[in-house]
């Protein structure tokens, strides 16, 4: 599969449209596309977590903490 996105800097390399499409599919409980991009996959993983289908993994917790640090500034 793909390497998980673990930092804000890495997140900024992703295609925002693919992240959004993946997120919406994940929230809807749809299975990820076979030809998905890393951007779609990242969005999809976050969507299924936010919808409560799966628990967040270490990479998701790590990037969440980094975004929270930025928000505090």
C-alpha atoms as a PDB file:
ATOM      1  CA  UNK A   1       0.000   0.000   0.000  1.00  0.00           C
ATOM      2  CA  UNK A   2       1.173   3.563   0.589  1.00  0.00           C
ATOM      3  CA  UNK A   3       3.335   5.092   3.281  1.00  0.00           C
ATOM      4  CA  UNK A   4       1.117   6.825   5.833  1.00  0.00           C
ATOM      5  CA  UNK A   5       1.193  10.607   6.048  1.00  0.00           C
ATOM      6  CA  UNK A   6       2.801  11.471   9.392  1.00  0.00           C
ATOM      7  CA  UNK A   7       3.600  15.181   9.185  1.00  0.00           C
ATOM      8  CA  UNK A   8       2.037  18.454   8.132  1.00  0.00           C
ATOM      9  CA  UNK A   9       4.846  18.964   5.616  1.00  0.00           C
ATOM     10  CA  UNK A  10       4.050  15.593   4.032  1.00  0.00           C
ATOM     11  CA  UNK A  11       0.339  16.418   4.038  1.00  0.00           C
ATOM     12  CA  UNK A  12       1.041  19.545   1.998  1.00  0.00           C
ATOM     13  CA  UNK A  13       2.459  17.354  -0.808  1.00  0.00           C
ATOM     14  CA  UNK A  14      -0.941  15.691  -1.328  1.00  0.00           C
ATOM     15  CA  UNK A  15      -3.568  16.584  -3.921  1.00  0.00           C
ATOM     16  CA  UNK A  16      -6.370  18.273  -1.970  1.00  0.00           C
ATOM     17  CA  UNK A  17      -9.113  17.187  -4.385  1.00  0.00           C
ATOM     18  CA  UNK A  18      -8.094  13.525  -4.093  1.00  0.00           C
ATOM     19  CA  UNK A  19      -7.935  13.825  -0.293  1.00  0.00           C
ATOM     20  CA  UNK A  20     -11.481  15.231  -0.227  1.00  0.00           C
ATOM     21  CA  UNK A  21     -12.873  12.575  -2.581  1.00  0.00           C
ATOM     22  CA  UNK A  22     -11.238   9.837  -0.532  1.00  0.00           C
ATOM     23  CA  UNK A  23     -12.512  11.350   2.705  1.00  0.00           C
ATOM     24  CA  UNK A  24     -16.086  11.510   1.428  1.00  0.00           C
ATOM     25  CA  UNK A  25     -15.901   7.884   0.257  1.00  0.00           C
ATOM     26  CA  UNK A  26     -14.507   6.833   3.630  1.00  0.00           C
ATOM     27  CA  UNK A  27     -17.207   8.645   5.605  1.00  0.00           C
ATOM     28  CA  UNK A  28     -19.811   6.969   3.394  1.00  0.00           C
ATOM     29  CA  UNK A  29     -18.309   3.565   4.160  1.00  0.00           C
ATOM     30  CA  UNK A  30     -17.285   2.925   0.572  1.00  0.00           C
ATOM     31  CA  UNK A  31     -14.336   0.662  -0.194  1.00  0.00           C
ATOM     32  CA  UNK A  32     -11.319   2.542  -1.555  1.00  0.00           C
ATOM     33  CA  UNK A  33     -10.835   2.572  -5.314  1.00  0.00           C
ATOM     34  CA  UNK A  34      -8.402   0.017  -6.785  1.00  0.00           C
ATOM     35  CA  UNK A  35      -6.466   2.738  -8.607  1.00  0.00           C
ATOM     36  CA  UNK A  36      -6.371   5.133  -5.669  1.00  0.00           C
ATOM     37  CA  UNK A  37      -3.614   7.661  -5.190  1.00  0.00           C
ATOM     38  CA  UNK A  38      -1.777   8.234  -1.923  1.00  0.00           C
ATOM     39  CA  UNK A  39      -3.818  11.437  -1.516  1.00  0.00           C
ATOM     40  CA  UNK A  40      -7.122   9.565  -1.930  1.00  0.00           C
ATOM     41  CA  UNK A  41      -5.943   6.836   0.442  1.00  0.00           C
ATOM     42  CA  UNK A  42      -5.014   9.395   3.109  1.00  0.00           C
ATOM     43  CA  UNK A  43      -8.436  11.036   2.845  1.00  0.00           C
ATOM     44  CA  UNK A  44     -10.220   7.684   2.830  1.00  0.00           C
ATOM     45  CA  UNK A  45      -8.398   6.505   5.972  1.00  0.00           C
ATOM     46  CA  UNK A  46      -9.400   9.692   7.798  1.00  0.00           C
ATOM     47  CA  UNK A  47     -12.970   9.378   6.583  1.00  0.00           C
ATOM     48  CA  UNK A  48     -13.426   5.840   7.886  1.00  0.00           C
ATOM     49  CA  UNK A  49     -11.916   6.880  11.230  1.00  0.00           C
ATOM     50  CA  UNK A  50     -14.121   9.970  11.530  1.00  0.00           C
ATOM     51  CA  UNK A  51     -17.189   7.880  10.647  1.00  0.00           C
ATOM     52  CA  UNK A  52     -16.297   5.416  13.413  1.00  0.00           C
ATOM     53  CA  UNK A  53     -15.657   2.394  11.182  1.00  0.00           C
ATOM     54  CA  UNK A  54     -12.083   1.918  12.419  1.00  0.00           C
ATOM     55  CA  UNK A  55      -9.818   3.293  15.135  1.00  0.00           C
ATOM     56  CA  UNK A  56      -7.041   5.745  14.211  1.00  0.00           C
ATOM     57  CA  UNK A  57      -3.577   4.297  13.805  1.00  0.00           C
ATOM     58  CA  UNK A  58      -0.286   5.718  15.080  1.00  0.00           C
ATOM     59  CA  UNK A  59       0.360   7.784  11.939  1.00  0.00           C
ATOM     60  CA  UNK A  60      -3.053   9.433  12.174  1.00  0.00           C
ATOM     61  CA  UNK A  61      -2.523  10.275  15.827  1.00  0.00           C
ATOM     62  CA  UNK A  62       0.915  11.681  15.046  1.00  0.00           C
ATOM     63  CA  UNK A  63      -0.261  14.053  12.305  1.00  0.00           C
ATOM     64  CA  UNK A  64      -3.303  15.041  14.381  1.00  0.00           C
ATOM     65  CA  UNK A  65      -0.973  16.103  17.197  1.00  0.00           C
ATOM     66  CA  UNK A  66       1.177  18.088  14.783  1.00  0.00           C
ATOM     67  CA  UNK A  67      -1.850  19.927  13.358  1.00  0.00           C
ATOM     68  CA  UNK A  68      -3.056  20.642  16.932  1.00  0.00           C
ATOM     69  CA  UNK A  69       0.322  22.196  17.758  1.00  0.00           C
ATOM     70  CA  UNK A  70      -0.010  24.483  14.738  1.00  0.00           C
ATOM     71  CA  UNK A  71      -3.515  25.506  15.807  1.00  0.00           C
ATOM     72  CA  UNK A  72      -2.210  26.572  19.218  1.00  0.00           C
ATOM     73  CA  UNK A  73       0.174  29.099  17.710  1.00  0.00           C
END
